[in-house]
Amino acid sequence: MFCISYIIYSTKGGDLITPNRKLRTVTPLQLDRVTAPVSLKDRAYLAIKAAILSLDLEPGHPLVESELAEQLGISKTPVRTALHELERDGLVTKVLYKGTYVTGITSHDIREVFQLRAVLEGLAAGLSVPALDESDLAQARELLSSTETALETGDRALASQYGAQFHDLIRRKADNQRLLLIVRNLDDHTRRFRLLSDQISGRLEKSLGQHEAILEALEARDPKLAEQRVRQHLHSVLEELSAEQPTDTYPPLERSNPRESR
């Protein structure tokens, strides 16, 4: 419960004089407790989104409301609402007269996201240099060591997770919340792209070497070199991913609004 008190000042002839020190309390502000469970719509949204980001639902996969509702054990209404939200997120595409699909991935999509990441994460690397202490650098070194171990044991999914944590460490130490927010808004799309890049032969091993070069620049306390190497690394991933993806997505991106398809 919030309670607001204030002192009433008296005036005479327009001039402020000493307060009469009388406290008056306004009506307490009442806020409802947050006790409601997660809605069925939110559960459907999270479940479908997780399947899309993990590529369990692959790009171009048709999304049929009745089938999704049956799998989730709920009615079609919350599924329909969840799909509307996922469409706003750019993860689902409605095709006029055809249906709803997991949004496809094209080389153009990948280029847009990685161009932004290269600029923003390069900037973050440069900004992070003054803030990185020895414990941060030790943590970064440990992440690279763990990545190498995971690759040696054949756990490529775990190696990819360590690589993502390495990037996140640098971004957080940049101490720029707006930059961090923008980059994390790209993360949903980046997660799908990362899973695709992990399937490219030798990509994780190449990324490990590039992460080593980035860490060397950070340890040398060279912000310009750190920024340069982060950009080079992300452009390297971009070029390999773009070569693997089609220029046109499936399904064709016709909009559900006829005006937008003109």
C-alpha atoms as a PDB file:
ATOM      1  CA  MET A   1       0.000   0.000   0.000  1.00  0.00           C
ATOM      2  CA  PHE A   2       1.325   3.441  -0.916  1.00  0.00           C
ATOM      3  CA  CYS A   3       0.612   6.461   1.319  1.00  0.00           C
ATOM      4  CA  ILE A   4       1.331  10.032   0.210  1.00  0.00           C
ATOM      5  CA  SER A   5       1.634  12.865   2.736  1.00  0.00           C
ATOM      6  CA  TYR A   6       2.292  16.534   2.177  1.00  0.00           C
ATOM      7  CA  ILE A   7       2.621  19.782   4.163  1.00  0.00           C
ATOM      8  CA  ILE A   8       0.148  22.585   3.546  1.00  0.00           C
ATOM      9  CA  TYR A   9       1.772  26.046   3.389  1.00  0.00           C
ATOM     10  CA  SER A  10      -0.280  29.173   4.147  1.00  0.00           C
ATOM     11  CA  THR A  11       0.227  32.440   2.295  1.00  0.00           C
ATOM     12  CA  LYS A  12      -0.527  36.077   3.019  1.00  0.00           C
ATOM     13  CA  GLY A  13      -0.665  38.768   0.403  1.00  0.00           C
ATOM     14  CA  GLY A  14       0.827  36.415  -2.159  1.00  0.00           C
ATOM     15  CA  ASP A  15       3.996  35.894  -0.102  1.00  0.00           C
ATOM     16  CA  LEU A  16       4.934  32.484   1.181  1.00  0.00           C
ATOM     17  CA  ILE A  17       5.253  32.411   4.965  1.00  0.00           C
ATOM     18  CA  THR A  18       6.098  29.628   7.375  1.00  0.00           C
ATOM     19  CA  PRO A  19       4.190  26.379   6.957  1.00  0.00           C
ATOM     20  CA  ASN A  20       1.493  25.518   9.425  1.00  0.00           C
ATOM     21  CA  ARG A  21       3.029  22.007   9.550  1.00  0.00           C
ATOM     22  CA  LYS A  22      -0.324  20.356   9.245  1.00  0.00           C
ATOM     23  CA  LEU A  23       0.079  16.961   7.599  1.00  0.00           C
ATOM     24  CA  ARG A  24      -2.707  15.766   5.392  1.00  0.00           C
ATOM     25  CA  THR A  25      -2.794  12.236   4.035  1.00  0.00           C
ATOM     26  CA  VAL A  26      -4.446  11.474   0.742  1.00  0.00           C
ATOM     27  CA  THR A  27      -6.469   8.340   0.133  1.00  0.00           C
ATOM     28  CA  PRO A  28      -4.085   5.362   0.007  1.00  0.00           C
ATOM     29  CA  LEU A  29      -3.344   4.008  -3.471  1.00  0.00           C
ATOM     30  CA  GLN A  30      -4.627   0.474  -3.864  1.00  0.00           C
ATOM     31  CA  LEU A  31      -2.908  -1.924  -6.275  1.00  0.00           C
ATOM     32  CA  ASP A  32      -4.208  -5.372  -7.043  1.00  0.00           C
ATOM     33  CA  ARG A  33      -1.908  -8.232  -6.154  1.00  0.00           C
ATOM     34  CA  VAL A  34      -0.444 -10.131  -9.079  1.00  0.00           C
ATOM     35  CA  THR A  35      -1.827 -13.569  -8.388  1.00  0.00           C
ATOM     36  CA  ALA A  36      -3.306 -14.634 -11.713  1.00  0.00           C
ATOM     37  CA  PRO A  37      -1.621 -17.637 -13.354  1.00  0.00           C
ATOM     38  CA  VAL A  38      -0.104 -17.450 -16.837  1.00  0.00           C
ATOM     39  CA  SER A  39      -2.931 -17.297 -19.361  1.00  0.00           C
ATOM     40  CA  LEU A  40      -3.522 -20.027 -21.943  1.00  0.00           C
ATOM     41  CA  LYS A  41      -2.639 -17.522 -24.648  1.00  0.00           C
ATOM     42  CA  ASP A  42       0.727 -16.823 -23.016  1.00  0.00           C
ATOM     43  CA  ARG A  43       1.416 -20.521 -22.617  1.00  0.00           C
ATOM     44  CA  ALA A  44       0.604 -21.120 -26.263  1.00  0.00           C
ATOM     45  CA  TYR A  45       2.761 -18.151 -27.289  1.00  0.00           C
ATOM     46  CA  LEU A  46       5.769 -19.346 -25.294  1.00  0.00           C
ATOM     47  CA  ALA A  47       5.452 -22.960 -26.424  1.00  0.00           C
ATOM     48  CA  ILE A  48       5.142 -22.141 -30.129  1.00  0.00           C
ATOM     49  CA  LYS A  49       7.866 -19.503 -29.939  1.00  0.00           C
ATOM     50  CA  ALA A  50      10.269 -21.943 -28.256  1.00  0.00           C
ATOM     51  CA  ALA A  51       9.616 -24.504 -30.994  1.00  0.00           C
ATOM     52  CA  ILE A  52      10.289 -21.889 -33.695  1.00  0.00           C
ATOM     53  CA  LEU A  53      13.506 -20.609 -32.106  1.00  0.00           C
ATOM     54  CA  SER A  54      14.841 -24.134 -31.602  1.00  0.00           C
ATOM     55  CA  LEU A  55      13.993 -24.985 -35.234  1.00  0.00           C
ATOM     56  CA  ASP A  56      11.722 -27.801 -34.065  1.00  0.00           C
ATOM     57  CA  LEU A  57       9.236 -25.866 -36.177  1.00  0.00           C
ATOM     58  CA  GLU A  58      11.344 -25.165 -39.231  1.00  0.00           C
ATOM     59  CA  PRO A  59      11.128 -22.088 -41.490  1.00  0.00           C
ATOM     60  CA  GLY A  60       8.167 -22.468 -43.828  1.00  0.00           C
ATOM     61  CA  HIS A  61       6.412 -25.034 -41.634  1.00  0.00           C
ATOM     62  CA  PRO A  62       2.593 -24.619 -41.829  1.00  0.00           C
ATOM     63  CA  LEU A  63       0.907 -23.684 -38.560  1.00  0.00           C
ATOM     64  CA  VAL A  64      -2.611 -25.098 -38.361  1.00  0.00           C
ATOM     65  CA  GLU A  65      -4.601 -23.785 -35.397  1.00  0.00           C
ATOM     66  CA  SER A  66      -6.526 -27.011 -34.794  1.00  0.00           C
ATOM     67  CA  GLU A  67      -3.363 -29.123 -34.829  1.00  0.00           C
ATOM     68  CA  LEU A  68      -1.503 -26.775 -32.493  1.00  0.00           C
ATOM     69  CA  ALA A  69      -4.474 -26.600 -30.137  1.00  0.00           C
ATOM     70  CA  GLU A  70      -4.663 -30.390 -29.983  1.00  0.00           C
ATOM     71  CA  GLN A  71      -0.947 -30.730 -29.269  1.00  0.00           C
ATOM     72  CA  LEU A  72      -1.121 -28.083 -26.544  1.00  0.00           C
ATOM     73  CA  GLY A  73      -4.345 -29.458 -25.052  1.00  0.00           C
ATOM     74  CA  ILE A  74      -6.222 -26.162 -25.323  1.00  0.00           C
ATOM     75  CA  SER A  75      -8.875 -24.560 -27.536  1.00  0.00           C
ATOM     76  CA  LYS A  76      -8.102 -22.773 -30.803  1.00  0.00           C
ATOM     77  CA  THR A  77      -8.866 -19.280 -29.468  1.00  0.00           C
ATOM     78  CA  PRO A  78      -5.676 -18.797 -27.383  1.00  0.00           C
ATOM     79  CA  VAL A  79      -3.652 -20.395 -30.188  1.00  0.00           C
ATOM     80  CA  ARG A  80      -5.074 -17.912 -32.683  1.00  0.00           C
ATOM     81  CA  THR A  81      -4.187 -14.984 -30.387  1.00  0.00           C
ATOM     82  CA  ALA A  82      -0.685 -16.376 -29.830  1.00  0.00           C
ATOM     83  CA  LEU A  83      -0.128 -16.620 -33.587  1.00  0.00           C
ATOM     84  CA  HIS A  84      -1.183 -12.970 -33.987  1.00  0.00           C
ATOM     85  CA  GLU A  85       1.493 -11.964 -31.467  1.00  0.00           C
ATOM     86  CA  LEU A  86       4.125 -14.139 -33.128  1.00  0.00           C
ATOM     87  CA  GLU A  87       3.258 -12.484 -36.432  1.00  0.00           C
ATOM     88  CA  ARG A  88       3.987  -9.093 -34.846  1.00  0.00           C
ATOM     89  CA  ASP A  89       7.304 -10.509 -33.635  1.00  0.00           C
ATOM     90  CA  GLY A  90       8.177 -11.435 -37.209  1.00  0.00           C
ATOM     91  CA  LEU A  91       8.359 -15.157 -36.418  1.00  0.00           C
ATOM     92  CA  VAL A  92       5.092 -16.112 -38.135  1.00  0.00           C
ATOM     93  CA  THR A  93       3.807 -15.121 -41.572  1.00  0.00           C
ATOM     94  CA  LYS A  94       0.207 -15.184 -42.788  1.00  0.00           C
ATOM     95  CA  VAL A  95      -0.126 -15.844 -46.501  1.00  0.00           C
ATOM     96  CA  LEU A  96      -3.307 -14.660 -48.165  1.00  0.00           C
ATOM     97  CA  TYR A  97      -5.683 -17.544 -48.985  1.00  0.00           C
ATOM     98  CA  LYS A  98      -3.019 -20.106 -48.042  1.00  0.00           C
ATOM     99  CA  GLY A  99      -2.506 -20.163 -44.315  1.00  0.00           C
ATOM    100  CA  THR A 100      -0.030 -19.366 -41.566  1.00  0.00           C
ATOM    101  CA  TYR A 101       3.607 -20.433 -41.640  1.00  0.00           C
ATOM    102  CA  VAL A 102       6.800 -20.147 -39.629  1.00  0.00           C
ATOM    103  CA  THR A 103       8.534 -17.151 -41.185  1.00  0.00           C
ATOM    104  CA  GLY A 104      11.178 -18.227 -43.646  1.00  0.00           C
ATOM    105  CA  ILE A 105      14.817 -17.226 -43.486  1.00  0.00           C
ATOM    106  CA  THR A 106      16.544 -15.635 -46.458  1.00  0.00           C
ATOM    107  CA  SER A 107      20.028 -14.319 -47.055  1.00  0.00           C
ATOM    108  CA  HIS A 108      18.523 -10.819 -46.937  1.00  0.00           C
ATOM    109  CA  ASP A 109      17.106 -11.447 -43.436  1.00  0.00           C
ATOM    110  CA  ILE A 110      20.453 -12.705 -42.226  1.00  0.00           C
ATOM    111  CA  ARG A 111      22.307  -9.778 -43.761  1.00  0.00           C
ATOM    112  CA  GLU A 112      20.023  -7.222 -42.078  1.00  0.00           C
ATOM    113  CA  VAL A 113      20.446  -8.723 -38.605  1.00  0.00           C
ATOM    114  CA  PHE A 114      24.181  -9.361 -38.810  1.00  0.00           C
ATOM    115  CA  GLN A 115      24.929  -5.921 -40.234  1.00  0.00           C
ATOM    116  CA  LEU A 116      23.223  -4.435 -37.190  1.00  0.00           C
ATOM    117  CA  ARG A 117      24.976  -6.835 -34.828  1.00  0.00           C
ATOM    118  CA  ALA A 118      28.382  -6.089 -36.329  1.00  0.00           C
ATOM    119  CA  VAL A 119      27.974  -2.354 -35.743  1.00  0.00           C
ATOM    120  CA  LEU A 120      26.369  -2.586 -32.306  1.00  0.00           C
ATOM    121  CA  GLU A 121      28.473  -5.399 -30.861  1.00  0.00           C
ATOM    122  CA  GLY A 122      31.640  -3.884 -32.312  1.00  0.00           C
ATOM    123  CA  LEU A 123      30.766  -0.676 -30.489  1.00  0.00           C
ATOM    124  CA  ALA A 124      30.036  -2.683 -27.332  1.00  0.00           C
ATOM    125  CA  ALA A 125      33.445  -4.343 -27.501  1.00  0.00           C
ATOM    126  CA  GLY A 126      35.198  -0.981 -27.682  1.00  0.00           C
ATOM    127  CA  LEU A 127      33.113   0.423 -24.840  1.00  0.00           C
ATOM    128  CA  SER A 128      33.725  -2.637 -22.669  1.00  0.00           C
ATOM    129  CA  VAL A 129      37.521  -2.309 -22.553  1.00  0.00           C
ATOM    130  CA  PRO A 130      37.750   0.243 -19.703  1.00  0.00           C
ATOM    131  CA  ALA A 131      35.186  -1.673 -17.652  1.00  0.00           C
ATOM    132  CA  LEU A 132      36.669  -5.157 -17.980  1.00  0.00           C
ATOM    133  CA  ASP A 133      38.595  -6.218 -14.882  1.00  0.00           C
ATOM    134  CA  GLU A 134      40.768  -9.288 -14.428  1.00  0.00           C
ATOM    135  CA  SER A 135      37.874 -11.431 -13.212  1.00  0.00           C
ATOM    136  CA  ASP A 136      35.887 -10.561 -16.363  1.00  0.00           C
ATOM    137  CA  LEU A 137      38.794 -11.499 -18.591  1.00  0.00           C
ATOM    138  CA  ALA A 138      39.268 -14.719 -16.646  1.00  0.00           C
ATOM    139  CA  GLN A 139      35.589 -15.531 -17.130  1.00  0.00           C
ATOM    140  CA  ALA A 140      35.888 -14.869 -20.865  1.00  0.00           C
ATOM    141  CA  ARG A 141      38.974 -17.108 -21.036  1.00  0.00           C
ATOM    142  CA  GLU A 142      37.092 -19.852 -19.166  1.00  0.00           C
ATOM    143  CA  LEU A 143      34.191 -19.623 -21.639  1.00  0.00           C
ATOM    144  CA  LEU A 144      36.587 -20.149 -24.539  1.00  0.00           C
ATOM    145  CA  SER A 145      38.229 -23.065 -22.766  1.00  0.00           C
ATOM    146  CA  SER A 146      34.823 -24.611 -22.141  1.00  0.00           C
ATOM    147  CA  THR A 147      33.910 -24.092 -25.804  1.00  0.00           C
ATOM    148  CA  GLU A 148      37.039 -25.961 -26.879  1.00  0.00           C
ATOM    149  CA  THR A 149      36.286 -28.829 -24.494  1.00  0.00           C
ATOM    150  CA  ALA A 150      32.708 -29.079 -25.750  1.00  0.00           C
ATOM    151  CA  LEU A 151      33.901 -29.247 -29.341  1.00  0.00           C
ATOM    152  CA  GLU A 152      36.429 -31.945 -28.481  1.00  0.00           C
ATOM    153  CA  THR A 153      33.690 -34.061 -26.899  1.00  0.00           C
ATOM    154  CA  GLY A 154      31.338 -33.470 -29.828  1.00  0.00           C
ATOM    155  CA  ASP A 155      28.785 -31.394 -27.896  1.00  0.00           C
ATOM    156  CA  ARG A 156      28.306 -28.704 -30.503  1.00  0.00           C
ATOM    157  CA  ALA A 157      25.092 -27.367 -28.949  1.00  0.00           C
ATOM    158  CA  LEU A 158      26.930 -26.673 -25.684  1.00  0.00           C
ATOM    159  CA  ALA A 159      29.841 -25.115 -27.567  1.00  0.00           C
ATOM    160  CA  SER A 160      27.374 -22.765 -29.262  1.00  0.00           C
ATOM    161  CA  GLN A 161      25.887 -21.783 -25.895  1.00  0.00           C
ATOM    162  CA  TYR A 162      29.335 -20.891 -24.537  1.00  0.00           C
ATOM    163  CA  GLY A 163      29.961 -18.765 -27.621  1.00  0.00           C
ATOM    164  CA  ALA A 164      26.711 -16.881 -27.049  1.00  0.00           C
ATOM    165  CA  GLN A 165      27.690 -16.290 -23.407  1.00  0.00           C
ATOM    166  CA  PHE A 166      31.042 -14.885 -24.549  1.00  0.00           C
ATOM    167  CA  HIS A 167      29.245 -12.314 -26.705  1.00  0.00           C
ATOM    168  CA  ASP A 168      26.799 -11.473 -23.922  1.00  0.00           C
ATOM    169  CA  LEU A 169      29.615 -10.872 -21.429  1.00  0.00           C
ATOM    170  CA  ILE A 170      31.149  -8.250 -23.710  1.00  0.00           C
ATOM    171  CA  ARG A 171      27.805  -6.585 -24.361  1.00  0.00           C
ATOM    172  CA  ARG A 172      26.981  -6.337 -20.667  1.00  0.00           C
ATOM    173  CA  LYS A 173      30.343  -4.787 -19.786  1.00  0.00           C
ATOM    174  CA  ALA A 174      29.769  -1.997 -22.324  1.00  0.00           C
ATOM    175  CA  ASP A 175      27.496  -0.450 -19.671  1.00  0.00           C
ATOM    176  CA  ASN A 176      25.070   0.915 -22.247  1.00  0.00           C
ATOM    177  CA  GLN A 177      21.548  -0.254 -21.472  1.00  0.00           C
ATOM    178  CA  ARG A 178      20.008   1.106 -24.676  1.00  0.00           C
ATOM    179  CA  LEU A 179      22.575  -0.670 -26.815  1.00  0.00           C
ATOM    180  CA  LEU A 180      22.016  -3.871 -24.851  1.00  0.00           C
ATOM    181  CA  LEU A 181      18.248  -3.590 -25.273  1.00  0.00           C
ATOM    182  CA  ILE A 182      18.500  -3.146 -29.040  1.00  0.00           C
ATOM    183  CA  VAL A 183      20.851  -6.116 -29.446  1.00  0.00           C
ATOM    184  CA  ARG A 184      18.699  -8.334 -27.261  1.00  0.00           C
ATOM    185  CA  ASN A 185      15.662  -7.400 -29.345  1.00  0.00           C
ATOM    186  CA  LEU A 186      17.486  -9.093 -32.226  1.00  0.00           C
ATOM    187  CA  ASP A 187      18.204 -12.213 -30.194  1.00  0.00           C
ATOM    188  CA  ASP A 188      15.084 -14.155 -31.230  1.00  0.00           C
ATOM    189  CA  HIS A 189      16.151 -14.000 -34.852  1.00  0.00           C
ATOM    190  CA  THR A 190      19.819 -14.471 -33.987  1.00  0.00           C
ATOM    191  CA  ARG A 191      19.031 -17.731 -32.177  1.00  0.00           C
ATOM    192  CA  ARG A 192      17.576 -19.253 -35.327  1.00  0.00           C
ATOM    193  CA  PHE A 193      20.474 -18.011 -37.414  1.00  0.00           C
ATOM    194  CA  ARG A 194      22.981 -19.361 -34.886  1.00  0.00           C
ATOM    195  CA  LEU A 195      21.469 -22.835 -35.065  1.00  0.00           C
ATOM    196  CA  LEU A 196      21.751 -22.708 -38.837  1.00  0.00           C
ATOM    197  CA  SER A 197      25.364 -21.515 -38.727  1.00  0.00           C
ATOM    198  CA  ASP A 198      26.264 -24.273 -36.260  1.00  0.00           C
ATOM    199  CA  GLN A 199      25.356 -26.784 -38.962  1.00  0.00           C
ATOM    200  CA  ILE A 200      27.966 -25.369 -41.349  1.00  0.00           C
ATOM    201  CA  SER A 201      31.026 -27.585 -41.290  1.00  0.00           C
ATOM    202  CA  GLY A 202      33.862 -25.992 -39.302  1.00  0.00           C
ATOM    203  CA  ARG A 203      31.895 -22.867 -38.367  1.00  0.00           C
ATOM    204  CA  LEU A 204      32.053 -23.344 -34.598  1.00  0.00           C
ATOM    205  CA  GLU A 205      35.777 -24.069 -34.756  1.00  0.00           C
ATOM    206  CA  LYS A 206      36.320 -20.947 -36.839  1.00  0.00           C
ATOM    207  CA  SER A 207      34.238 -18.880 -34.417  1.00  0.00           C
ATOM    208  CA  LEU A 208      36.330 -20.156 -31.507  1.00  0.00           C
ATOM    209  CA  GLY A 209      39.496 -18.911 -33.201  1.00  0.00           C
ATOM    210  CA  GLN A 210      37.876 -15.545 -33.873  1.00  0.00           C
ATOM    211  CA  HIS A 211      36.708 -15.312 -30.254  1.00  0.00           C
ATOM    212  CA  GLU A 212      40.311 -15.934 -29.202  1.00  0.00           C
ATOM    213  CA  ALA A 213      41.421 -12.996 -31.352  1.00  0.00           C
ATOM    214  CA  ILE A 214      38.727 -10.780 -29.813  1.00  0.00           C
ATOM    215  CA  LEU A 215      39.820 -11.728 -26.300  1.00  0.00           C
ATOM    216  CA  GLU A 216      43.443 -10.953 -27.117  1.00  0.00           C
ATOM    217  CA  ALA A 217      42.406  -7.440 -28.159  1.00  0.00           C
ATOM    218  CA  LEU A 218      40.426  -7.024 -24.936  1.00  0.00           C
ATOM    219  CA  GLU A 219      43.364  -8.250 -22.852  1.00  0.00           C
ATOM    220  CA  ALA A 220      45.613  -5.788 -24.696  1.00  0.00           C
ATOM    221  CA  ARG A 221      43.171  -3.015 -23.680  1.00  0.00           C
ATOM    222  CA  ASP A 222      42.830  -1.944 -27.302  1.00  0.00           C
ATOM    223  CA  PRO A 223      39.242  -0.747 -27.928  1.00  0.00           C
ATOM    224  CA  LYS A 224      39.720  -0.083 -31.646  1.00  0.00           C
ATOM    225  CA  LEU A 225      41.198  -3.513 -32.277  1.00  0.00           C
ATOM    226  CA  ALA A 226      38.486  -5.183 -30.194  1.00  0.00           C
ATOM    227  CA  GLU A 227      35.771  -3.406 -32.190  1.00  0.00           C
ATOM    228  CA  GLN A 228      37.453  -4.325 -35.465  1.00  0.00           C
ATOM    229  CA  ARG A 229      37.756  -8.004 -34.574  1.00  0.00           C
ATOM    230  CA  VAL A 230      34.154  -8.314 -33.418  1.00  0.00           C
ATOM    231  CA  ARG A 231      32.987  -6.799 -36.693  1.00  0.00           C
ATOM    232  CA  GLN A 232      35.251  -9.111 -38.714  1.00  0.00           C
ATOM    233  CA  HIS A 233      33.941 -12.131 -36.805  1.00  0.00           C
ATOM    234  CA  LEU A 234      30.264 -11.309 -37.360  1.00  0.00           C
ATOM    235  CA  HIS A 235      30.797 -10.461 -41.028  1.00  0.00           C
ATOM    236  CA  SER A 236      32.529 -13.831 -41.398  1.00  0.00           C
ATOM    237  CA  VAL A 237      29.478 -15.616 -39.971  1.00  0.00           C
ATOM    238  CA  LEU A 238      27.227 -13.489 -42.184  1.00  0.00           C
ATOM    239  CA  GLU A 239      29.008 -14.424 -45.388  1.00  0.00           C
ATOM    240  CA  GLU A 240      28.928 -18.149 -44.663  1.00  0.00           C
ATOM    241  CA  LEU A 241      25.277 -18.108 -43.625  1.00  0.00           C
ATOM    242  CA  SER A 242      24.209 -16.014 -46.614  1.00  0.00           C
ATOM    243  CA  ALA A 243      25.837 -18.499 -48.975  1.00  0.00           C
ATOM    244  CA  GLU A 244      23.765 -21.285 -47.429  1.00  0.00           C
ATOM    245  CA  GLN A 245      20.356 -19.556 -47.579  1.00  0.00           C
ATOM    246  CA  PRO A 246      18.061 -18.885 -50.540  1.00  0.00           C
ATOM    247  CA  THR A 247      17.419 -15.351 -51.745  1.00  0.00           C
ATOM    248  CA  ASP A 248      13.655 -16.006 -51.638  1.00  0.00           C
ATOM    249  CA  THR A 249      11.817 -17.388 -48.651  1.00  0.00           C
ATOM    250  CA  TYR A 250       9.231 -20.111 -48.453  1.00  0.00           C
ATOM    251  CA  PRO A 251       6.359 -19.521 -48.367  1.00  0.00           C
ATOM    252  CA  PRO A 252       6.215 -16.426 -50.623  1.00  0.00           C
ATOM    253  CA  LEU A 253       5.654 -13.395 -48.420  1.00  0.00           C
ATOM    254  CA  GLU A 254       2.231 -12.341 -49.665  1.00  0.00           C
ATOM    255  CA  ARG A 255       0.467 -10.334 -46.974  1.00  0.00           C
ATOM    256  CA  SER A 256      -2.917 -11.093 -45.481  1.00  0.00           C
ATOM    257  CA  ASN A 257      -3.901  -7.467 -46.150  1.00  0.00           C
ATOM    258  CA  PRO A 258      -4.664  -7.110 -49.901  1.00  0.00           C
ATOM    259  CA  ARG A 259      -3.507  -3.482 -49.910  1.00  0.00           C
ATOM    260  CA  GLU A 260      -0.035  -4.495 -48.778  1.00  0.00           C
ATOM    261  CA  SER A 261       0.369  -6.957 -51.643  1.00  0.00           C
ATOM    262  CA  ARG A 262       0.033  -4.326 -54.346  1.00  0.00           C
END
